[in-house]
Amino acid sequence: MLDIVENLGKRQLSVTSFASRYSVTTRYIQKLFEGEGTTFTEYVLERRLLEANRLLGDSRYAERSIGDIAFKVGFGDLSYFTRSFRRRFGMTPSDAREQARRDGAIL
């Protein structure tokens, strides 16, 4: 799982590429995630969203655009990122950044 997290920024991250990297079948990878109650795709999406949320609240990324952050964590489509972020956190990425500013995370 750590290898997935370390490669979140790669848009081509897929169950096929991951299985190939470790010389296992895609079905084997799918079964591993099924055992955890999720899928490879859902896991990658969740990790990307969590990382984007963390970066939006990080003062070192305060000057980076939301699009830059979305692309950094592996999203290729800003609209999809925004919809997914809102579904996951109940607010837009802009709102999350503003909340972090109000809470003092971004100075």
Foldseek 3Di string as FASTA:
>chain_A
DVVLLVCQLAQPDDLVVVCVVVVHDSVVQQVVVVVVVHGPVVVSLVSLLVQLLVLLLAQVCVPPDSVVSSNRRHDPDVVVSQVSNCVVPVDGSVVSSVVSVVVPSHD
